[in-house]
Amino acid sequence: MNLSGILVMAKAERHTQVVVALNALEGVEVHQVDVASGRIVVVQEAQDIHAEIAGVKRIKALPDVIMAEMVYHYLAEDERAYEAMPPELTEDGEGFETCAVPAYLNS
């Protein structure tokens, strides 16, 4: 099981609709809403890292979401061993790095 803390920024005037849409997503629970700034804090539960990233992408694709970024990640257990970061964590599909690992951490 993987848990993610995700900061979502939504249009302030549409925060109610975004909160409803977030709560409708499987494994996602809204924990804090700051109406004035449009900030929403959610926790997502996923089976593995791939489902976790897919969930963040679903959140980013919701209408009226300005941005969504994973700010915390907890990995309980994952049966797969990773030699490197999975590609979906490092590239956004358009050649941009979304989660670059600093060089000093690769040694």
PDB file of N, CA and C in Angstrom:
ATOM      1  N   MET A   1       0.842  -1.181   0.000  1.00  0.00           N
ATOM      2  CA  MET A   1       0.000   0.000   0.000  1.00  0.00           C
ATOM      3  C   MET A   1       0.885   1.242   0.000  1.00  0.00           C
ATOM      4  N   ASN A   2       0.531   2.190  -0.820  1.00  0.00           N
ATOM      5  CA  ASN A   2       1.217   3.471  -0.894  1.00  0.00           C
ATOM      6  C   ASN A   2       0.261   4.570  -0.458  1.00  0.00           C
ATOM      7  N   LEU A   3       0.765   5.503   0.316  1.00  0.00           N
ATOM      8  CA  LEU A   3      -0.010   6.679   0.705  1.00  0.00           C
ATOM      9  C   LEU A   3       0.705   7.908   0.176  1.00  0.00           C
ATOM     10  N   SER A   4      -0.072   8.841  -0.360  1.00  0.00           N
ATOM     11  CA  SER A   4       0.483  10.081  -0.893  1.00  0.00           C
ATOM     12  C   SER A   4      -0.222  11.258  -0.264  1.00  0.00           C
ATOM     13  N   GLY A   5       0.547  12.257   0.104  1.00  0.00           N
ATOM     14  CA  GLY A   5      -0.018  13.554   0.464  1.00  0.00           C
ATOM     15  C   GLY A   5       0.105  14.430  -0.757  1.00  0.00           C
ATOM     16  N   ILE A   6      -1.017  14.956  -1.228  1.00  0.00           N
ATOM     17  CA  ILE A   6      -1.025  15.716  -2.482  1.00  0.00           C
ATOM     18  C   ILE A   6      -1.613  17.101  -2.229  1.00  0.00           C
ATOM     19  N   LEU A   7      -0.883  18.124  -2.663  1.00  0.00           N
ATOM     20  CA  LEU A   7      -1.382  19.490  -2.605  1.00  0.00           C
ATOM     21  C   LEU A   7      -2.025  19.810  -3.942  1.00  0.00           C
ATOM     22  N   VAL A   8      -3.285  20.208  -3.888  1.00  0.00           N
ATOM     23  CA  VAL A   8      -4.042  20.550  -5.093  1.00  0.00           C
ATOM     24  C   VAL A   8      -4.365  22.038  -5.022  1.00  0.00           C
ATOM     25  N   MET A   9      -4.131  22.735  -6.114  1.00  0.00           N
ATOM     26  CA  MET A   9      -4.523  24.138  -6.224  1.00  0.00           C
ATOM     27  C   MET A   9      -5.678  24.201  -7.215  1.00  0.00           C
ATOM     28  N   ALA A  10      -6.764  24.828  -6.774  1.00  0.00           N
ATOM     29  CA  ALA A  10      -7.951  24.945  -7.620  1.00  0.00           C
ATOM     30  C   ALA A  10      -8.359  26.410  -7.710  1.00  0.00           C
ATOM     31  N   LYS A  11      -9.125  26.710  -8.728  1.00  0.00           N
ATOM     32  CA  LYS A  11      -9.676  28.053  -8.831  1.00  0.00           C
ATOM     33  C   LYS A  11     -10.537  28.286  -7.595  1.00  0.00           C
ATOM     34  N   ALA A  12     -10.281  29.366  -6.869  1.00  0.00           N
ATOM     35  CA  ALA A  12     -10.943  29.614  -5.589  1.00  0.00           C
ATOM     36  C   ALA A  12     -12.468  29.575  -5.710  1.00  0.00           C
ATOM     37  N   GLU A  13     -12.978  30.116  -6.797  1.00  0.00           N
ATOM     38  CA  GLU A  13     -14.434  30.163  -6.959  1.00  0.00           C
ATOM     39  C   GLU A  13     -15.031  28.800  -7.328  1.00  0.00           C
ATOM     40  N   ARG A  14     -14.189  27.815  -7.647  1.00  0.00           N
ATOM     41  CA  ARG A  14     -14.673  26.486  -8.044  1.00  0.00           C
ATOM     42  C   ARG A  14     -14.222  25.399  -7.069  1.00  0.00           C
ATOM     43  N   HIS A  15     -13.744  25.793  -5.875  1.00  0.00           N
ATOM     44  CA  HIS A  15     -13.192  24.803  -4.943  1.00  0.00           C
ATOM     45  C   HIS A  15     -14.212  23.745  -4.536  1.00  0.00           C
ATOM     46  N   THR A  16     -15.477  24.121  -4.406  1.00  0.00           N
ATOM     47  CA  THR A  16     -16.498  23.143  -3.998  1.00  0.00           C
ATOM     48  C   THR A  16     -16.616  22.026  -5.028  1.00  0.00           C
ATOM     49  N   GLN A  17     -16.651  22.375  -6.299  1.00  0.00           N
ATOM     50  CA  GLN A  17     -16.754  21.369  -7.348  1.00  0.00           C
ATOM     51  C   GLN A  17     -15.520  20.480  -7.383  1.00  0.00           C
ATOM     52  N   VAL A  18     -14.355  21.066  -7.154  1.00  0.00           N
ATOM     53  CA  VAL A  18     -13.118  20.286  -7.161  1.00  0.00           C
ATOM     54  C   VAL A  18     -13.096  19.325  -5.976  1.00  0.00           C
ATOM     55  N   VAL A  19     -13.529  19.775  -4.809  1.00  0.00           N
ATOM     56  CA  VAL A  19     -13.577  18.898  -3.629  1.00  0.00           C
ATOM     57  C   VAL A  19     -14.516  17.722  -3.881  1.00  0.00           C
ATOM     58  N   VAL A  20     -15.661  17.970  -4.470  1.00  0.00           N
ATOM     59  CA  VAL A  20     -16.605  16.890  -4.788  1.00  0.00           C
ATOM     60  C   VAL A  20     -15.967  15.906  -5.763  1.00  0.00           C
ATOM     61  N   ALA A  21     -15.301  16.425  -6.792  1.00  0.00           N
ATOM     62  CA  ALA A  21     -14.652  15.556  -7.786  1.00  0.00           C
ATOM     63  C   ALA A  21     -13.520  14.740  -7.157  1.00  0.00           C
ATOM     64  N   LEU A  22     -12.752  15.364  -6.268  1.00  0.00           N
ATOM     65  CA  LEU A  22     -11.666  14.647  -5.596  1.00  0.00           C
ATOM     66  C   LEU A  22     -12.203  13.517  -4.730  1.00  0.00           C
ATOM     67  N   ASN A  23     -13.229  13.809  -3.947  1.00  0.00           N
ATOM     68  CA  ASN A  23     -13.813  12.790  -3.069  1.00  0.00           C
ATOM     69  C   ASN A  23     -14.450  11.650  -3.851  1.00  0.00           C
ATOM     70  N   ALA A  24     -14.784  11.889  -5.111  1.00  0.00           N
ATOM     71  CA  ALA A  24     -15.387  10.840  -5.940  1.00  0.00           C
ATOM     72  C   ALA A  24     -14.338   9.872  -6.497  1.00  0.00           C
ATOM     73  N   LEU A  25     -13.064  10.269  -6.457  1.00  0.00           N
ATOM     74  CA  LEU A  25     -12.003   9.404  -6.960  1.00  0.00           C
ATOM     75  C   LEU A  25     -11.715   8.287  -5.962  1.00  0.00           C
ATOM     76  N   GLU A  26     -11.547   7.087  -6.475  1.00  0.00           N
ATOM     77  CA  GLU A  26     -11.254   5.944  -5.623  1.00  0.00           C
ATOM     78  C   GLU A  26      -9.910   6.128  -4.918  1.00  0.00           C
ATOM     79  N   GLY A  27      -9.905   5.921  -3.618  1.00  0.00           N
ATOM     80  CA  GLY A  27      -8.676   6.004  -2.839  1.00  0.00           C
ATOM     81  C   GLY A  27      -8.253   7.400  -2.452  1.00  0.00           C
ATOM     82  N   VAL A  28      -9.061   8.416  -2.770  1.00  0.00           N
ATOM     83  CA  VAL A  28      -8.706   9.807  -2.483  1.00  0.00           C
ATOM     84  C   VAL A  28      -9.637  10.356  -1.416  1.00  0.00           C
ATOM     85  N   GLU A  29      -9.040  11.046  -0.435  1.00  0.00           N
ATOM     86  CA  GLU A  29      -9.825  11.666   0.627  1.00  0.00           C
ATOM     87  C   GLU A  29      -9.316  13.081   0.858  1.00  0.00           C
ATOM     88  N   VAL A  30     -10.225  14.047   0.850  1.00  0.00           N
ATOM     89  CA  VAL A  30      -9.869  15.442   1.104  1.00  0.00           C
ATOM     90  C   VAL A  30      -9.743  15.634   2.614  1.00  0.00           C
ATOM     91  N   HIS A  31      -8.637  16.259   3.037  1.00  0.00           N
ATOM     92  CA  HIS A  31      -8.400  16.468   4.465  1.00  0.00           C
ATOM     93  C   HIS A  31      -8.430  17.926   4.879  1.00  0.00           C
ATOM     94  N   GLN A  32      -8.107  18.834   3.979  1.00  0.00           N
ATOM     95  CA  GLN A  32      -8.062  20.248   4.340  1.00  0.00           C
ATOM     96  C   GLN A  32      -8.372  21.095   3.119  1.00  0.00           C
ATOM     97  N   VAL A  33      -9.156  22.143   3.318  1.00  0.00           N
ATOM     98  CA  VAL A  33      -9.486  23.067   2.235  1.00  0.00           C
ATOM     99  C   VAL A  33      -9.273  24.493   2.735  1.00  0.00           C
ATOM    100  N   ASP A  34      -8.512  25.276   1.979  1.00  0.00           N
ATOM    101  CA  ASP A  34      -8.357  26.697   2.245  1.00  0.00           C
ATOM    102  C   ASP A  34      -9.045  27.426   1.097  1.00  0.00           C
ATOM    103  N   VAL A  35     -10.264  27.851   1.358  1.00  0.00           N
ATOM    104  CA  VAL A  35     -11.105  28.444   0.317  1.00  0.00           C
ATOM    105  C   VAL A  35     -10.459  29.692  -0.274  1.00  0.00           C
ATOM    106  N   ALA A  36      -9.893  30.544   0.547  1.00  0.00           N
ATOM    107  CA  ALA A  36      -9.331  31.809   0.071  1.00  0.00           C
ATOM    108  C   ALA A  36      -8.208  31.606  -0.948  1.00  0.00           C
ATOM    109  N   SER A  37      -7.364  30.617  -0.704  1.00  0.00           N
ATOM    110  CA  SER A  37      -6.222  30.398  -1.604  1.00  0.00           C
ATOM    111  C   SER A  37      -6.499  29.333  -2.660  1.00  0.00           C
ATOM    112  N   GLY A  38      -7.558  28.551  -2.478  1.00  0.00           N
ATOM    113  CA  GLY A  38      -7.857  27.465  -3.408  1.00  0.00           C
ATOM    114  C   GLY A  38      -7.023  26.224  -3.164  1.00  0.00           C
ATOM    115  N   ARG A  39      -6.312  26.181  -2.034  1.00  0.00           N
ATOM    116  CA  ARG A  39      -5.467  25.021  -1.712  1.00  0.00           C
ATOM    117  C   ARG A  39      -6.302  23.919  -1.069  1.00  0.00           C
ATOM    118  N   ILE A  40      -6.040  22.703  -1.531  1.00  0.00           N
ATOM    119  CA  ILE A  40      -6.734  21.527  -1.021  1.00  0.00           C
ATOM    120  C   ILE A  40      -5.679  20.464  -0.735  1.00  0.00           C
ATOM    121  N   VAL A  41      -5.735  19.875   0.438  1.00  0.00           N
ATOM    122  CA  VAL A  41      -4.805  18.810   0.801  1.00  0.00           C
ATOM    123  C   VAL A  41      -5.568  17.490   0.774  1.00  0.00           C
ATOM    124  N   VAL A  42      -5.047  16.539  -0.001  1.00  0.00           N
ATOM    125  CA  VAL A  42      -5.693  15.231  -0.089  1.00  0.00           C
ATOM    126  C   VAL A  42      -4.690  14.140   0.249  1.00  0.00           C
ATOM    127  N   VAL A  43      -5.236  13.018   0.692  1.00  0.00           N
ATOM    128  CA  VAL A  43      -4.436  11.812   0.887  1.00  0.00           C
ATOM    129  C   VAL A  43      -4.980  10.777  -0.078  1.00  0.00           C
ATOM    130  N   GLN A  44      -4.066  10.131  -0.767  1.00  0.00           N
ATOM    131  CA  GLN A  44      -4.434   9.094  -1.724  1.00  0.00           C
ATOM    132  C   GLN A  44      -3.829   7.768  -1.273  1.00  0.00           C
ATOM    133  N   GLU A  45      -4.619   6.722  -1.331  1.00  0.00           N
ATOM    134  CA  GLU A  45      -4.140   5.373  -1.053  1.00  0.00           C
ATOM    135  C   GLU A  45      -4.152   4.596  -2.358  1.00  0.00           C
ATOM    136  N   ALA A  46      -3.028   3.929  -2.659  1.00  0.00           N
ATOM    137  CA  ALA A  46      -2.915   3.166  -3.906  1.00  0.00           C
ATOM    138  C   ALA A  46      -2.190   1.852  -3.635  1.00  0.00           C
ATOM    139  N   GLN A  47      -2.389   0.889  -4.527  1.00  0.00           N
ATOM    140  CA  GLN A  47      -1.788  -0.429  -4.355  1.00  0.00           C
ATOM    141  C   GLN A  47      -0.272  -0.417  -4.526  1.00  0.00           C
ATOM    142  N   ASP A  48       0.208   0.339  -5.515  1.00  0.00           N
ATOM    143  CA  ASP A  48       1.642   0.384  -5.778  1.00  0.00           C
ATOM    144  C   ASP A  48       1.987   1.744  -6.371  1.00  0.00           C
ATOM    145  N   ILE A  49       3.257   1.929  -6.672  1.00  0.00           N
ATOM    146  CA  ILE A  49       3.715   3.227  -7.151  1.00  0.00           C
ATOM    147  C   ILE A  49       3.094   3.600  -8.497  1.00  0.00           C
ATOM    148  N   HIS A  50       2.830   2.596  -9.332  1.00  0.00           N
ATOM    149  CA  HIS A  50       2.237   2.873 -10.642  1.00  0.00           C
ATOM    150  C   HIS A  50       0.805   3.377 -10.484  1.00  0.00           C
ATOM    151  N   ALA A  51       0.040   2.769  -9.596  1.00  0.00           N
ATOM    152  CA  ALA A  51      -1.325   3.232  -9.326  1.00  0.00           C
ATOM    153  C   ALA A  51      -1.306   4.604  -8.663  1.00  0.00           C
ATOM    154  N   GLU A  52      -0.293   4.840  -7.859  1.00  0.00           N
ATOM    155  CA  GLU A  52      -0.147   6.127  -7.182  1.00  0.00           C
ATOM    156  C   GLU A  52       0.064   7.249  -8.204  1.00  0.00           C
ATOM    157  N   ILE A  53       0.961   7.030  -9.150  1.00  0.00           N
ATOM    158  CA  ILE A  53       1.228   8.032 -10.188  1.00  0.00           C
ATOM    159  C   ILE A  53       0.008   8.219 -11.084  1.00  0.00           C
ATOM    160  N   ALA A  54      -0.672   7.131 -11.416  1.00  0.00           N
ATOM    161  CA  ALA A  54      -1.898   7.236 -12.223  1.00  0.00           C
ATOM    162  C   ALA A  54      -2.938   8.082 -11.494  1.00  0.00           C
ATOM    163  N   GLY A  55      -3.020   7.922 -10.186  1.00  0.00           N
ATOM    164  CA  GLY A  55      -3.964   8.711  -9.396  1.00  0.00           C
ATOM    165  C   GLY A  55      -3.634  10.191  -9.402  1.00  0.00           C
ATOM    166  N   VAL A  56      -2.352  10.528  -9.294  1.00  0.00           N
ATOM    167  CA  VAL A  56      -1.945  11.937  -9.352  1.00  0.00           C
ATOM    168  C   VAL A  56      -2.284  12.522 -10.719  1.00  0.00           C
ATOM    169  N   LYS A  57      -2.067  11.750 -11.771  1.00  0.00           N
ATOM    170  CA  LYS A  57      -2.406  12.219 -13.120  1.00  0.00           C
ATOM    171  C   LYS A  57      -3.911  12.444 -13.266  1.00  0.00           C
ATOM    172  N   ARG A  58      -4.733  11.573 -12.660  1.00  0.00           N
ATOM    173  CA  ARG A  58      -6.191  11.763 -12.691  1.00  0.00           C
ATOM    174  C   ARG A  58      -6.576  13.064 -11.988  1.00  0.00           C
ATOM    175  N   ILE A  59      -5.939  13.326 -10.856  1.00  0.00           N
ATOM    176  CA  ILE A  59      -6.233  14.558 -10.123  1.00  0.00           C
ATOM    177  C   ILE A  59      -5.854  15.770 -10.962  1.00  0.00           C
ATOM    178  N   LYS A  60      -4.675  15.741 -11.578  1.00  0.00           N
ATOM    179  CA  LYS A  60      -4.227  16.863 -12.408  1.00  0.00           C
ATOM    180  C   LYS A  60      -5.169  17.127 -13.573  1.00  0.00           C
ATOM    181  N   ALA A  61      -5.852  16.094 -14.047  1.00  0.00           N
ATOM    182  CA  ALA A  61      -6.732  16.221 -15.213  1.00  0.00           C
ATOM    183  C   ALA A  61      -8.138  16.705 -14.852  1.00  0.00           C
ATOM    184  N   LEU A  62      -8.450  16.823 -13.566  1.00  0.00           N
ATOM    185  CA  LEU A  62      -9.796  17.264 -13.183  1.00  0.00           C
ATOM    186  C   LEU A  62     -10.035  18.709 -13.623  1.00  0.00           C
ATOM    187  N   PRO A  63     -11.267  19.015 -14.026  1.00  0.00           N
ATOM    188  CA  PRO A  63     -11.588  20.402 -14.387  1.00  0.00           C
ATOM    189  C   PRO A  63     -11.354  21.344 -13.206  1.00  0.00           C
ATOM    190  N   ASP A  64     -10.874  22.526 -13.474  1.00  0.00           N
ATOM    191  CA  ASP A  64     -10.641  23.590 -12.498  1.00  0.00           C
ATOM    192  C   ASP A  64      -9.476  23.330 -11.554  1.00  0.00           C
ATOM    193  N   VAL A  65      -8.704  22.256 -11.784  1.00  0.00           N
ATOM    194  CA  VAL A  65      -7.475  22.043 -11.017  1.00  0.00           C
ATOM    195  C   VAL A  65      -6.359  22.794 -11.731  1.00  0.00           C
ATOM    196  N   ILE A  66      -5.710  23.685 -11.012  1.00  0.00           N
ATOM    197  CA  ILE A  66      -4.617  24.467 -11.575  1.00  0.00           C
ATOM    198  C   ILE A  66      -3.336  23.649 -11.539  1.00  0.00           C
ATOM    199  N   MET A  67      -3.102  22.971 -10.415  1.00  0.00           N
ATOM    200  CA  MET A  67      -1.937  22.106 -10.289  1.00  0.00           C
ATOM    201  C   MET A  67      -2.175  21.129  -9.155  1.00  0.00           C
ATOM    202  N   ALA A  68      -1.463  20.020  -9.218  1.00  0.00           N
ATOM    203  CA  ALA A  68      -1.492  19.018  -8.154  1.00  0.00           C
ATOM    204  C   ALA A  68      -0.114  18.378  -8.088  1.00  0.00           C
ATOM    205  N   GLU A  69       0.469  18.362  -6.903  1.00  0.00           N
ATOM    206  CA  GLU A  69       1.812  17.799  -6.741  1.00  0.00           C
ATOM    207  C   GLU A  69       1.865  16.936  -5.489  1.00  0.00           C
ATOM    208  N   MET A  70       2.531  15.811  -5.623  1.00  0.00           N
ATOM    209  CA  MET A  70       2.730  14.932  -4.486  1.00  0.00           C
ATOM    210  C   MET A  70       3.795  15.568  -3.594  1.00  0.00           C
ATOM    211  N   VAL A  71       3.445  15.819  -2.335  1.00  0.00           N
ATOM    212  CA  VAL A  71       4.396  16.434  -1.413  1.00  0.00           C
ATOM    213  C   VAL A  71       4.846  15.452  -0.334  1.00  0.00           C
ATOM    214  N   TYR A  72       4.192  14.305  -0.265  1.00  0.00           N
ATOM    215  CA  TYR A  72       4.574  13.280   0.702  1.00  0.00           C
ATOM    216  C   TYR A  72       4.244  11.922   0.117  1.00  0.00           C
ATOM    217  N   HIS A  73       5.104  10.956   0.405  1.00  0.00           N
ATOM    218  CA  HIS A  73       4.894   9.614  -0.111  1.00  0.00           C
ATOM    219  C   HIS A  73       5.307   8.609   0.957  1.00  0.00           C
ATOM    220  N   TYR A  74       4.469   7.628   1.201  1.00  0.00           N
ATOM    221  CA  TYR A  74       4.797   6.548   2.125  1.00  0.00           C
ATOM    222  C   TYR A  74       4.585   5.227   1.406  1.00  0.00           C
ATOM    223  N   LEU A  75       5.609   4.413   1.387  1.00  0.00           N
ATOM    224  CA  LEU A  75       5.564   3.109   0.743  1.00  0.00           C
ATOM    225  C   LEU A  75       5.587   2.053   1.834  1.00  0.00           C
ATOM    226  N   ALA A  76       4.478   1.363   2.024  1.00  0.00           N
ATOM    227  CA  ALA A  76       4.421   0.322   3.050  1.00  0.00           C
ATOM    228  C   ALA A  76       5.181  -0.902   2.575  1.00  0.00           C
ATOM    229  N   GLU A  77       4.761  -1.454   1.477  1.00  0.00           N
ATOM    230  CA  GLU A  77       5.423  -2.620   0.903  1.00  0.00           C
ATOM    231  C   GLU A  77       5.184  -2.615  -0.597  1.00  0.00           C
ATOM    232  N   ASP A  78       6.189  -2.994  -1.322  1.00  0.00           N
ATOM    233  CA  ASP A  78       6.060  -3.146  -2.764  1.00  0.00           C
ATOM    234  C   ASP A  78       6.899  -4.359  -3.129  1.00  0.00           C
ATOM    235  N   GLU A  79       6.269  -5.340  -3.727  1.00  0.00           N
ATOM    236  CA  GLU A  79       6.958  -6.588  -4.026  1.00  0.00           C
ATOM    237  C   GLU A  79       8.023  -6.436  -5.101  1.00  0.00           C
ATOM    238  N   ARG A  80       7.920  -5.393  -5.923  1.00  0.00           N
ATOM    239  CA  ARG A  80       8.901  -5.187  -6.977  1.00  0.00           C
ATOM    240  C   ARG A  80      10.116  -4.444  -6.444  1.00  0.00           C
ATOM    241  N   ALA A  81      11.273  -4.807  -6.929  1.00  0.00           N
ATOM    242  CA  ALA A  81      12.502  -4.085  -6.613  1.00  0.00           C
ATOM    243  C   ALA A  81      12.820  -3.187  -7.797  1.00  0.00           C
ATOM    244  N   TYR A  82      13.183  -1.968  -7.523  1.00  0.00           N
ATOM    245  CA  TYR A  82      13.471  -1.010  -8.579  1.00  0.00           C
ATOM    246  C   TYR A  82      14.962  -0.706  -8.612  1.00  0.00           C
ATOM    247  N   GLU A  83      15.557  -0.829  -9.790  1.00  0.00           N
ATOM    248  CA  GLU A  83      16.954  -0.486  -9.992  1.00  0.00           C
ATOM    249  C   GLU A  83      17.117   1.019 -10.210  1.00  0.00           C
ATOM    250  N   ALA A  84      16.052   1.650 -10.711  1.00  0.00           N
ATOM    251  CA  ALA A  84      16.066   3.086 -10.990  1.00  0.00           C
ATOM    252  C   ALA A  84      14.642   3.597 -10.862  1.00  0.00           C
ATOM    253  N   MET A  85      14.501   4.902 -10.961  1.00  0.00           N
ATOM    254  CA  MET A  85      13.169   5.492 -10.908  1.00  0.00           C
ATOM    255  C   MET A  85      12.359   5.017 -12.103  1.00  0.00           C
ATOM    256  N   PRO A  86      11.099   4.595 -11.894  1.00  0.00           N
ATOM    257  CA  PRO A  86      10.255   4.225 -13.031  1.00  0.00           C
ATOM    258  C   PRO A  86      10.082   5.428 -13.965  1.00  0.00           C
ATOM    259  N   PRO A  87      10.049   5.191 -15.277  1.00  0.00           N
ATOM    260  CA  PRO A  87       9.992   6.301 -16.241  1.00  0.00           C
ATOM    261  C   PRO A  87       8.807   7.231 -16.022  1.00  0.00           C
ATOM    262  N   GLU A  88       7.675   6.698 -15.579  1.00  0.00           N
ATOM    263  CA  GLU A  88       6.511   7.563 -15.381  1.00  0.00           C
ATOM    264  C   GLU A  88       6.689   8.523 -14.212  1.00  0.00           C
ATOM    265  N   LEU A  89       7.708   8.303 -13.399  1.00  0.00           N
ATOM    266  CA  LEU A  89       8.004   9.233 -12.321  1.00  0.00           C
ATOM    267  C   LEU A  89       8.970  10.321 -12.752  1.00  0.00           C
ATOM    268  N   THR A  90       9.704  10.082 -13.810  1.00  0.00           N
ATOM    269  CA  THR A  90      10.733  11.038 -14.204  1.00  0.00           C
ATOM    270  C   THR A  90      10.387  11.844 -15.440  1.00  0.00           C
ATOM    271  N   GLU A  91       9.417  11.393 -16.227  1.00  0.00           N
ATOM    272  CA  GLU A  91       9.047  12.134 -17.434  1.00  0.00           C
ATOM    273  C   GLU A  91       7.545  12.318 -17.485  1.00  0.00           C
ATOM    274  N   ASP A  92       7.121  13.431 -18.032  1.00  0.00           N
ATOM    275  CA  ASP A  92       5.697  13.731 -18.113  1.00  0.00           C
ATOM    276  C   ASP A  92       5.082  13.349 -19.456  1.00  0.00           C
ATOM    277  N   GLY A  93       5.816  12.641 -20.300  1.00  0.00           N
ATOM    278  CA  GLY A  93       5.307  12.249 -21.609  1.00  0.00           C
ATOM    279  C   GLY A  93       5.652  13.243 -22.700  1.00  0.00           C
ATOM    280  N   GLU A  94       6.118  14.409 -22.307  1.00  0.00           N
ATOM    281  CA  GLU A  94       6.495  15.434 -23.277  1.00  0.00           C
ATOM    282  C   GLU A  94       7.975  15.760 -23.181  1.00  0.00           C
ATOM    283  N   GLY A  95       8.746  14.871 -22.537  1.00  0.00           N
ATOM    284  CA  GLY A  95      10.183  15.067 -22.447  1.00  0.00           C
ATOM    285  C   GLY A  95      10.644  15.897 -21.266  1.00  0.00           C
ATOM    286  N   PHE A  96       9.730  16.361 -20.420  1.00  0.00           N
ATOM    287  CA  PHE A  96      10.105  17.157 -19.264  1.00  0.00           C
ATOM    288  C   PHE A  96      10.235  16.261 -18.044  1.00  0.00           C
ATOM    289  N   GLU A  97      11.264  16.501 -17.245  1.00  0.00           N
ATOM    290  CA  GLU A  97      11.435  15.726 -16.026  1.00  0.00           C
ATOM    291  C   GLU A  97      10.476  16.251 -14.970  1.00  0.00           C
ATOM    292  N   THR A  98       9.732  15.335 -14.358  1.00  0.00           N
ATOM    293  CA  THR A  98       8.775  15.732 -13.328  1.00  0.00           C
ATOM    294  C   THR A  98       9.265  15.418 -11.932  1.00  0.00           C
ATOM    295  N   CYS A  99      10.227  14.532 -11.822  1.00  0.00           N
ATOM    296  CA  CYS A  99      10.737  14.138 -10.512  1.00  0.00           C
ATOM    297  C   CYS A  99      12.200  13.751 -10.668  1.00  0.00           C
ATOM    298  N   ALA A 100      12.999  14.704 -10.985  1.00  0.00           N
ATOM    299  CA  ALA A 100      14.409  14.425 -11.223  1.00  0.00           C
ATOM    300  C   ALA A 100      15.106  14.083  -9.915  1.00  0.00           C
ATOM    301  N   VAL A 101      15.937  13.075  -9.957  1.00  0.00           N
ATOM    302  CA  VAL A 101      16.717  12.675  -8.788  1.00  0.00           C
ATOM    303  C   VAL A 101      18.064  13.389  -8.858  1.00  0.00           C
ATOM    304  N   PRO A 102      18.431  14.142  -7.808  1.00  0.00           N
ATOM    305  CA  PRO A 102      19.731  14.810  -7.840  1.00  0.00           C
ATOM    306  C   PRO A 102      20.861  13.814  -8.028  1.00  0.00           C
ATOM    307  N   ALA A 103      21.888  14.196  -8.766  1.00  0.00           N
ATOM    308  CA  ALA A 103      22.988  13.304  -9.108  1.00  0.00           C
ATOM    309  C   ALA A 103      23.646  12.703  -7.884  1.00  0.00           C
ATOM    310  N   TYR A 104      23.767  13.472  -6.804  1.00  0.00           N
ATOM    311  CA  TYR A 104      24.451  12.963  -5.612  1.00  0.00           C
ATOM    312  C   TYR A 104      23.682  11.827  -4.946  1.00  0.00           C
ATOM    313  N   LEU A 105      22.405  11.678  -5.217  1.00  0.00           N
ATOM    314  CA  LEU A 105      21.630  10.573  -4.656  1.00  0.00           C
ATOM    315  C   LEU A 105      21.764   9.312  -5.474  1.00  0.00           C
ATOM    316  N   ASN A 106      22.280   9.406  -6.677  1.00  0.00           N
ATOM    317  CA  ASN A 106      22.438   8.235  -7.543  1.00  0.00           C
ATOM    318  C   ASN A 106      23.747   7.499  -7.301  1.00  0.00           C
ATOM    319  N   SER A 107      24.629   8.038  -6.481  1.00  0.00           N
ATOM    320  CA  SER A 107      25.929   7.379  -6.273  1.00  0.00           C
ATOM    321  C   SER A 107      25.929   6.457  -5.086  1.00  0.00           C
TER     322      SER A 107
END
